Protein backbone atom coordinates (compact mmCIF):
# COMPACT_ATOMS: atom_id res chain seq x y z
CA MET A 1 0.04 0.01 -0.01
CA SER A 2 1.34 3.38 -0.94
CA SER A 3 2.19 5.99 1.67
CA THR A 4 -0.44 8.33 0.00
CA THR A 5 -3.16 5.69 0.53
CA THR A 6 -2.10 5.13 4.06
CA THR A 7 -2.22 8.78 4.85
CA HIS A 8 -5.73 9.13 3.20
CA ASP A 9 -6.95 6.13 5.21
CA SER A 10 -5.67 7.67 8.36
CA TYR A 11 -7.16 11.00 7.51
CA ASP A 12 -10.50 9.35 6.76
CA THR A 13 -10.47 7.42 10.17
CA TRP A 14 -9.62 10.50 12.06
CA ARG A 15 -12.35 12.38 10.39
CA ARG A 16 -14.93 9.68 11.35
CA ILE A 17 -13.65 9.83 14.99
CA ARG A 18 -13.96 13.65 15.03
CA ALA A 19 -17.53 13.14 13.63
CA ILE A 20 -18.39 10.64 16.30
CA ILE A 21 -16.98 12.86 19.05
CA GLY A 22 -18.85 15.93 17.70
CA ALA A 23 -22.32 14.28 17.41
CA SER A 24 -21.67 12.51 20.77
CA SER A 25 -20.79 15.69 22.72
CA GLY A 26 -23.97 17.35 21.61
CA ASN A 27 -25.97 14.19 22.43
CA LEU A 28 -24.41 14.14 25.97
CA VAL A 29 -25.55 17.61 26.71
CA GLU A 30 -29.06 17.07 25.28
CA TRP A 31 -29.60 14.00 27.59
CA PHE A 32 -28.06 15.72 30.64
CA ASP A 33 -30.55 18.71 30.15
CA PHE A 34 -33.38 16.28 29.69
CA TYR A 35 -32.66 14.02 32.67
CA ILE A 36 -31.60 16.50 35.29
CA TYR A 37 -35.41 16.97 35.50
CA SER A 38 -35.90 13.50 36.80
CA PHE A 39 -32.99 13.56 39.28
CA ALA A 40 -33.76 17.01 40.62
CA SER A 41 -37.52 16.50 40.82
CA LEU A 42 -37.15 15.40 44.49
CA TYR A 43 -36.16 18.96 45.39
CA PHE A 44 -38.41 21.21 43.26
CA ALA A 45 -41.63 19.05 43.09
CA HIS A 46 -43.06 21.21 46.13
CA ALA A 47 -42.30 24.47 44.30
CA PHE A 48 -44.78 23.63 41.39
CA PHE A 49 -47.15 21.17 43.10
CA PRO A 50 -47.52 22.26 46.88
CA GLN A 51 -50.39 20.00 47.70
CA GLY A 52 -50.19 16.45 48.61
CA ASP A 53 -47.57 14.14 50.32
CA GLY A 54 -44.25 13.29 48.81
CA THR A 55 -45.35 10.41 46.59
CA VAL A 56 -48.28 12.60 45.15
CA GLN A 57 -45.84 15.44 44.40
CA LEU A 58 -43.51 13.01 42.66
CA LEU A 59 -46.36 11.51 40.77
CA LYS A 60 -47.33 14.98 39.39
CA THR A 61 -43.69 15.76 38.28
CA ALA A 62 -43.50 12.32 36.77
CA ALA A 63 -46.63 13.19 34.78
CA VAL A 64 -44.87 16.25 33.51
CA PHE A 65 -41.74 14.09 32.69
CA ALA A 66 -44.10 11.97 30.64
CA ILE A 67 -45.48 14.95 28.71
CA GLY A 68 -42.01 15.67 27.65
CA PHE A 69 -41.91 12.19 26.07
CA LEU A 70 -45.30 12.50 24.49
CA MET A 71 -43.87 15.42 22.41
CA ARG A 72 -41.11 13.22 21.07
CA PRO A 73 -43.08 11.89 17.98
CA ILE A 74 -43.60 15.34 16.85
CA GLY A 75 -40.08 16.19 17.24
CA GLY A 76 -39.11 12.98 15.42
CA ILE A 77 -41.37 14.06 12.48
CA ILE A 78 -40.08 17.62 12.40
CA PHE A 79 -36.36 16.87 12.86
CA GLY A 80 -36.47 13.52 10.92
CA ARG A 81 -37.95 15.47 7.85
CA LEU A 82 -35.29 18.20 8.20
CA ALA A 83 -32.47 15.69 8.52
CA ASP A 84 -33.60 13.59 5.49
CA ARG A 85 -34.19 16.62 3.29
CA ARG A 86 -31.68 19.37 4.48
CA GLY A 87 -28.96 17.21 6.22
CA ARG A 88 -28.19 15.63 9.51
CA ARG A 89 -25.88 18.55 10.74
CA ALA A 90 -28.74 21.24 10.49
CA ALA A 91 -31.21 19.12 12.40
CA MET A 92 -28.67 18.34 15.19
CA MET A 93 -27.70 21.99 15.60
CA LEU A 94 -31.35 23.03 15.79
CA SER A 95 -32.20 20.45 18.41
CA VAL A 96 -29.57 21.45 20.85
CA VAL A 97 -30.58 25.17 20.62
CA MET A 98 -34.16 24.14 21.44
CA MET A 99 -33.06 22.04 24.40
CA CYS A 100 -30.88 25.07 25.64
CA GLY A 101 -34.10 27.21 25.63
CA GLY A 102 -36.04 24.69 27.54
CA SER A 103 -33.43 24.36 30.23
CA LEU A 104 -32.94 28.06 30.60
CA MET A 105 -36.80 28.52 30.96
CA ILE A 106 -36.91 25.93 33.79
CA ALA A 107 -34.09 27.47 35.60
CA CYS A 108 -35.87 30.93 35.71
CA LEU A 109 -39.39 29.66 36.53
CA PRO A 110 -41.33 31.30 39.29
CA THR A 111 -42.95 28.91 41.91
CA TYR A 112 -46.55 28.07 42.48
CA GLY A 113 -46.41 30.47 45.53
CA GLN A 114 -45.50 33.32 43.29
CA VAL A 115 -47.76 32.97 40.29
CA GLY A 116 -50.19 30.17 41.10
CA VAL A 117 -51.28 27.68 38.42
CA TRP A 118 -49.11 29.58 35.86
CA ALA A 119 -46.00 27.79 37.49
CA PRO A 120 -46.80 24.25 36.56
CA THR A 121 -48.22 25.44 33.24
CA LEU A 122 -44.86 27.10 32.31
CA LEU A 123 -43.02 23.98 33.40
CA VAL A 124 -45.17 21.79 31.14
CA ILE A 125 -44.32 24.21 28.17
CA ALA A 126 -40.64 24.04 28.93
CA ARG A 127 -40.74 20.21 29.00
CA MET A 128 -42.60 20.26 25.77
CA LEU A 129 -39.71 22.19 24.18
CA GLN A 130 -37.22 19.75 25.58
CA GLY A 131 -39.34 16.80 24.37
CA LEU A 132 -39.43 18.13 20.83
CA SER A 133 -35.74 18.59 20.91
CA VAL A 134 -34.88 15.03 22.18
CA GLY A 135 -37.50 13.58 19.77
CA GLY A 136 -35.49 14.92 16.95
CA GLU A 137 -32.00 14.20 18.57
CA TYR A 138 -32.33 10.45 18.79
CA GLY A 139 -33.30 9.68 15.24
CA THR A 140 -30.89 12.15 13.69
CA SER A 141 -27.82 11.38 15.82
CA ALA A 142 -28.28 7.62 15.54
CA THR A 143 -28.67 8.02 11.89
CA TYR A 144 -25.53 10.16 11.58
CA MET A 145 -23.35 8.02 13.73
CA SER A 146 -24.30 4.83 11.86
CA GLU A 147 -23.45 6.53 8.61
CA VAL A 148 -20.06 7.80 9.57
CA ALA A 149 -19.01 4.57 11.24
CA VAL A 150 -16.36 2.17 9.65
CA LYS A 151 -17.86 -0.93 8.13
CA GLY A 152 -17.16 -3.94 10.31
CA HIS A 153 -16.84 -1.75 13.44
CA ARG A 154 -20.38 -0.13 13.18
CA GLY A 155 -21.47 -1.58 16.54
CA PHE A 156 -18.40 -0.18 18.35
CA TYR A 157 -18.70 3.26 16.81
CA SER A 158 -22.44 3.52 17.11
CA SER A 159 -22.32 2.44 20.83
CA PHE A 160 -21.06 5.90 21.63
CA GLN A 161 -24.47 7.19 21.20
CA TYR A 162 -25.53 5.51 24.50
CA VAL A 163 -22.07 6.20 25.94
CA THR A 164 -22.93 9.81 25.86
CA LEU A 165 -26.77 9.25 26.53
CA ILE A 166 -25.70 7.42 29.67
CA GLY A 167 -22.99 10.03 30.19
CA GLY A 168 -25.75 12.60 30.22
CA LEU A 169 -27.60 10.51 32.82
CA LEU A 170 -24.45 10.17 34.82
CA LEU A 171 -23.58 13.79 34.78
CA ALA A 172 -27.03 14.60 35.85
CA SER A 173 -26.83 12.16 38.80
CA LEU A 174 -23.25 13.28 39.58
CA ALA A 175 -24.35 16.93 39.54
CA VAL A 176 -27.08 16.17 42.07
CA VAL A 177 -24.59 14.31 44.30
CA ILE A 178 -22.22 17.22 44.26
CA MET A 179 -24.83 19.71 45.00
CA GLN A 180 -26.06 17.57 47.84
CA HIS A 181 -22.58 17.75 49.50
CA ILE A 182 -22.21 21.41 48.88
CA LEU A 183 -25.72 22.72 49.86
CA THR A 184 -28.04 22.00 52.61
CA ASP A 185 -31.29 20.00 52.02
CA SER A 186 -33.07 23.35 52.59
CA ASP A 187 -31.02 25.14 50.02
CA MET A 188 -31.49 22.41 47.43
CA ARG A 189 -35.22 22.80 47.78
CA SER A 190 -35.12 26.62 47.84
CA TRP A 191 -32.86 27.50 44.93
CA GLY A 192 -30.08 24.97 44.44
CA TRP A 193 -31.91 22.95 41.88
CA ARG A 194 -32.08 25.98 39.54
CA ILE A 195 -28.23 25.90 39.16
CA LEU A 196 -28.48 22.42 37.64
CA PHE A 197 -30.77 23.68 34.80
CA LEU A 198 -28.65 26.81 34.29
CA CYS A 199 -25.54 24.65 33.86
CA GLY A 200 -27.39 22.54 31.31
CA ALA A 201 -28.42 25.63 29.26
CA VAL A 202 -24.82 26.88 29.13
CA ALA A 203 -23.47 23.46 28.21
CA ALA A 204 -25.94 23.21 25.23
CA LEU A 205 -24.55 26.33 23.95
CA LEU A 206 -21.02 25.05 23.89
CA SER A 207 -22.18 21.81 22.15
CA LEU A 208 -23.76 24.06 19.37
CA PHE A 209 -20.24 25.18 18.48
CA LEU A 210 -18.93 21.62 18.35
CA ARG A 211 -21.64 20.45 16.05
CA ARG A 212 -21.06 23.33 13.59
CA SER A 213 -17.86 21.61 12.40
CA LEU A 214 -19.51 18.27 11.55
CA HIS A 215 -19.41 17.18 7.87
CA GLU A 216 -22.57 16.17 6.20
CA THR A 217 -23.44 12.63 5.36
CA VAL A 218 -26.42 13.26 2.99
CA SER A 219 -25.57 13.21 -0.70
CA LYS A 220 -25.99 16.50 -2.46
CA ASP A 221 -26.37 14.71 -5.94
CA ARG A 222 -29.62 12.75 -5.10
CA SER A 223 -32.15 12.54 -7.90
CA THR A 224 -34.99 14.90 -7.86
CA GLU A 225 -37.54 12.17 -7.11
CA GLN A 226 -35.44 11.09 -4.17
CA SER A 227 -35.21 14.69 -2.88
CA GLU A 228 -39.03 15.18 -3.15
CA LYS A 229 -39.95 11.91 -1.38
CA ALA A 230 -37.16 12.22 1.26
CA GLY A 231 -38.40 12.54 4.93
CA THR A 232 -42.00 12.21 4.05
CA LEU A 233 -44.49 10.17 6.16
CA SER A 234 -46.11 8.90 2.92
CA LEU A 235 -42.88 7.27 1.96
CA LEU A 236 -42.41 5.87 5.48
CA PHE A 237 -45.90 4.24 5.67
CA SER A 238 -46.28 3.15 2.02
CA LYS A 239 -42.95 1.22 1.78
CA HIS A 240 -41.36 0.76 5.19
CA GLN A 241 -44.24 -0.20 7.45
CA ARG A 242 -42.54 -3.42 8.47
CA ALA A 243 -39.41 -1.73 9.61
CA PHE A 244 -41.55 0.97 11.51
CA TRP A 245 -43.37 -1.71 13.51
CA THR A 246 -40.16 -3.68 14.24
CA VAL A 247 -38.47 -0.56 15.62
CA LEU A 248 -41.63 0.26 17.72
CA GLY A 249 -41.55 -3.36 19.16
CA PHE A 250 -37.88 -3.12 20.08
CA THR A 251 -38.29 0.29 21.61
CA ALA A 252 -41.42 -0.56 23.77
CA GLY A 253 -39.48 -3.13 25.70
CA GLY A 254 -36.06 -1.64 25.48
CA SER A 255 -37.00 1.93 26.60
CA LEU A 256 -39.32 0.77 29.38
CA MET A 257 -36.66 -1.49 30.93
CA PHE A 258 -34.04 1.24 30.37
CA TYR A 259 -35.94 3.88 32.24
CA THR A 260 -37.16 1.43 35.01
CA PHE A 261 -33.53 0.82 35.99
CA THR A 262 -32.21 4.35 35.47
CA THR A 263 -34.41 7.28 36.23
CA TYR A 264 -37.12 5.38 38.04
CA MET A 265 -34.70 3.45 40.06
CA GLN A 266 -33.88 6.41 42.17
CA LYS A 267 -37.56 6.79 43.35
CA TYR A 268 -37.93 3.07 43.72
CA LEU A 269 -34.87 2.65 46.02
CA ILE A 270 -36.03 5.62 48.11
CA ASN A 271 -39.78 5.14 48.22
CA THR A 272 -40.14 1.40 48.15
CA VAL A 273 -36.79 -0.05 49.37
CA GLY A 274 -36.45 2.71 51.95
CA MET A 275 -32.78 3.70 51.39
CA ASN A 276 -31.32 7.15 52.15
CA ASP A 277 -31.52 9.59 49.20
CA LYS A 278 -27.76 10.51 49.36
CA THR A 279 -26.87 6.77 49.46
CA VAL A 280 -29.18 6.09 46.48
CA SER A 281 -27.58 8.90 44.42
CA VAL A 282 -24.13 7.32 45.01
CA VAL A 283 -25.24 3.81 44.08
CA VAL A 284 -27.19 4.92 40.93
CA THR A 285 -24.15 7.07 39.87
CA VAL A 286 -21.59 4.28 40.21
CA ALA A 287 -23.98 1.74 38.44
CA LEU A 288 -24.31 4.30 35.60
CA VAL A 289 -20.55 4.34 35.33
CA VAL A 290 -20.50 0.62 34.89
CA PHE A 291 -23.26 0.88 32.43
CA MET A 292 -21.59 3.60 30.45
CA LEU A 293 -18.29 1.65 30.28
CA MET A 294 -19.99 -1.44 29.07
CA GLN A 295 -21.43 0.18 25.94
CA PRO A 296 -18.27 0.06 23.70
CA VAL A 297 -17.63 -3.58 24.97
CA GLN A 298 -21.15 -4.75 24.08
CA GLY A 299 -21.09 -2.66 20.83
CA ALA A 300 -17.88 -4.45 19.73
CA LEU A 301 -19.39 -7.82 20.74
CA SER A 302 -22.25 -7.01 18.20
CA ASP A 303 -19.67 -6.66 15.45
CA ARG A 304 -18.73 -10.39 16.06
CA ILE A 305 -22.04 -12.01 16.87
CA GLY A 306 -24.63 -9.70 14.94
CA LEU A 307 -27.30 -7.22 15.88
CA ARG A 308 -30.17 -9.82 15.96
CA ARG A 309 -28.43 -12.17 18.47
CA MET A 310 -27.60 -9.01 20.68
CA MET A 311 -31.31 -8.20 20.76
CA LEU A 312 -32.34 -11.78 21.48
CA ILE A 313 -29.88 -11.92 24.49
CA PHE A 314 -31.33 -8.66 25.92
CA SER A 315 -34.93 -9.57 25.51
CA ALA A 316 -34.48 -13.23 26.73
CA LEU A 317 -32.56 -12.22 29.88
CA GLY A 318 -34.95 -9.24 30.49
CA THR A 319 -37.96 -11.37 30.27
CA LEU A 320 -36.49 -14.01 32.73
CA LEU A 321 -34.93 -11.75 35.33
CA THR A 322 -36.75 -8.36 35.54
CA ILE A 323 -39.29 -9.59 38.21
CA PRO A 324 -36.67 -11.34 40.33
CA ILE A 325 -34.23 -8.54 40.34
CA LEU A 326 -36.98 -6.04 41.29
CA PHE A 327 -38.22 -8.14 44.19
CA ALA A 328 -34.77 -8.88 45.22
CA LEU A 329 -33.83 -5.25 45.62
CA GLN A 330 -36.45 -4.85 48.41
CA TYR A 331 -35.02 -7.57 50.51
CA VAL A 332 -31.10 -7.66 50.08
CA GLY A 333 -30.72 -5.21 52.76
CA HIS A 334 -27.11 -4.12 51.88
CA VAL A 335 -25.87 -1.40 49.78
CA TRP A 336 -23.34 -3.54 47.83
CA ALA A 337 -25.94 -6.05 47.01
CA VAL A 338 -28.34 -3.39 45.81
CA PHE A 339 -25.40 -2.02 43.69
CA LEU A 340 -24.60 -5.54 42.21
CA LEU A 341 -28.25 -6.18 41.32
CA LEU A 342 -28.60 -2.77 39.62
CA ALA A 343 -25.47 -3.16 37.85
CA LEU A 344 -26.56 -6.71 36.51
CA SER A 345 -29.86 -5.22 35.44
CA LEU A 346 -28.06 -2.47 33.35
CA ILE A 347 -25.69 -4.91 31.80
CA ILE A 348 -28.71 -6.81 30.53
CA VAL A 349 -30.11 -3.48 29.19
CA GLY A 350 -26.82 -2.84 27.56
CA PHE A 351 -27.39 -5.53 25.00
CA TYR A 352 -30.08 -3.35 23.70
CA THR A 353 -28.76 0.12 24.23
CA SER A 354 -25.21 -0.57 22.70
CA ILE A 355 -26.77 -1.45 19.37
CA SER A 356 -30.08 0.46 19.64
CA GLY A 357 -29.57 3.26 17.09
CA LEU A 358 -27.58 1.06 14.75
CA ILE A 359 -30.16 -1.72 14.44
CA LYS A 360 -32.93 0.72 13.85
CA ALA A 361 -30.94 2.81 11.25
CA ALA A 362 -30.03 -0.44 9.39
CA MET A 363 -33.68 -0.96 8.63
CA PHE A 364 -34.23 2.25 6.48
CA PRO A 365 -32.52 3.66 3.35
CA MET A 366 -30.97 6.99 3.60
CA GLU A 367 -33.81 9.11 2.26
CA ILE A 368 -36.17 8.04 5.03
CA ARG A 369 -33.71 6.94 7.69
CA ALA A 370 -33.70 9.75 10.19
CA LEU A 371 -37.65 10.16 10.02
CA GLY A 372 -38.08 6.32 10.12
CA VAL A 373 -35.92 5.97 13.06
CA GLY A 374 -36.94 9.15 14.88
CA VAL A 375 -40.61 8.69 14.49
CA SER A 376 -40.92 4.98 15.37
CA TYR A 377 -38.59 5.25 18.36
CA ALA A 378 -40.14 8.43 19.60
CA ILE A 379 -43.68 6.81 19.69
CA GLY A 380 -42.35 3.70 21.46
CA ASN A 381 -40.49 5.74 23.90
CA ALA A 382 -43.18 8.21 24.59
CA LEU A 383 -45.77 5.47 25.26
CA PHE A 384 -43.54 3.10 27.15
CA GLY A 385 -40.41 4.65 28.25
CA GLY A 386 -41.53 8.16 29.21
CA THR A 387 -44.52 6.74 31.13
CA ALA A 388 -42.47 4.34 33.25
CA GLU A 389 -42.16 6.43 36.37
CA TRP A 390 -45.82 7.64 36.17
CA VAL A 391 -47.18 3.85 35.73
CA ALA A 392 -44.91 2.76 38.48
CA LEU A 393 -45.91 5.42 40.98
CA THR A 394 -49.65 5.05 40.13
CA MET A 395 -49.47 1.34 40.71
CA LYS A 396 -47.65 2.00 44.05
CA THR A 397 -50.19 4.61 45.35
CA HIS A 398 -52.94 1.89 44.60
CA GLY A 399 -50.92 -0.76 46.39
CA VAL A 400 -50.37 -2.93 43.39
CA GLU A 401 -46.68 -2.16 42.67
CA PRO A 402 -45.80 -5.73 41.66
CA LEU A 403 -48.00 -5.33 38.62
CA PHE A 404 -45.53 -2.89 37.38
CA PHE A 405 -42.87 -5.61 37.42
CA VAL A 406 -45.12 -7.78 35.26
CA TYR A 407 -45.87 -5.02 32.97
CA VAL A 408 -42.18 -4.50 32.26
CA THR A 409 -41.60 -8.27 31.73
CA LEU A 410 -44.41 -8.44 29.28
CA MET A 411 -43.20 -5.49 27.15
CA VAL A 412 -39.66 -7.00 27.09
CA PHE A 413 -41.12 -10.21 25.99
CA ILE A 414 -42.93 -8.39 23.06
CA ALA A 415 -39.39 -7.18 21.98
CA PHE A 416 -38.17 -10.87 22.11
CA VAL A 417 -41.06 -11.90 19.72
CA THR A 418 -40.38 -8.89 17.49
CA CYS A 419 -36.77 -9.88 17.15
CA LEU A 420 -37.68 -13.46 16.28
CA LYS A 421 -39.87 -12.27 13.43
CA MET A 422 -37.63 -9.38 12.08
CA ALA A 423 -36.56 -9.39 8.54
CA PRO A 424 -32.82 -9.98 7.55
CA MET A 425 -30.54 -7.06 7.65
CA SER A 426 -27.99 -5.84 5.05
CA GLU A 427 -24.82 -3.60 5.12
CA LYS A 428 -25.91 -2.41 1.64
CA ARG A 429 -28.01 0.40 3.11
CA TRP A 430 -24.84 2.11 3.76
């Protein structure tokens, strides 16, 4: 091989790595901003919903959290269409700007005591903005990262989408832990939680500059017919219905289990298991570190055994072990045992998250990929992932919490059946 060819290959590889880093950095900030709401809700729930006991207040903030998810399908349509017709970079830049606006708005919101019912109303509007942003972020970034990845290593490269998604979760949890040790509980409930949202807004602006340097993956020489049909719902549902329903089936079980063992787990360990809130924050944070570090490992594994086998492993283990693990967490009685059970759960989820974006992107051609992934994922995520906390807390208030465990298991089993019936996949789409 000539030195010129070697230099070109090295440059191409480095360009791909920079593209992954650029897309991932924005992805990290997006998810930090979105999830800081869940982790900080223990401290600001009373400011917007003053009536009721602790569980009722959390239930109301969980409902607002779910509203953010319900906006995701709309975000998936708007940003998916933009990404398929105008390019991935433009869509990713716009999504992070919108996330910045939502976070800044929450940081400055007045309380219920100051403006009455307008406080929760404005909170809902801010979460709707963030929901639109994240609804467009997942499909666009998943598509972009799968397109810039090197053939034969797509699983490894694409796993960094969830490395940064989990990194956003981790930073949100870590930020709360740091604030808990710096401020008193009274200060956290009074004004400390606002700092978390303000930091997220500033970080979103920084990520905007990183995304400006990304190179575009959408070809500019597409035919007129391709350009006109690109990113349209008519094309999606006329020719790619099977792929749409397959992604929806994966997302229903995968997202529900993901949110059960990440954002909801904090409330579960405090309200049901009875652990101290600071101890829970530390346990969840360390478990998230393990989860994040496992993503590239499991992504690389998918390059060897295939995407379908990864999904079968996830859905089979999730179906068999979800109920035993959730019950066991209530009775183990030791912090290390809780951590090991939570880490095991997240490793199981990792067989899905590490290849989530890639397996979905592989089902659609380029001209409909961002819209196809974004809309099907957003709908499944909104209906099942985003409502996980609300469903769990509602069942707890009615004294039937174990039914939530059954519900999660059933949805993961549906993902298993969906995987068994999925069509063969091909590298030719890239």
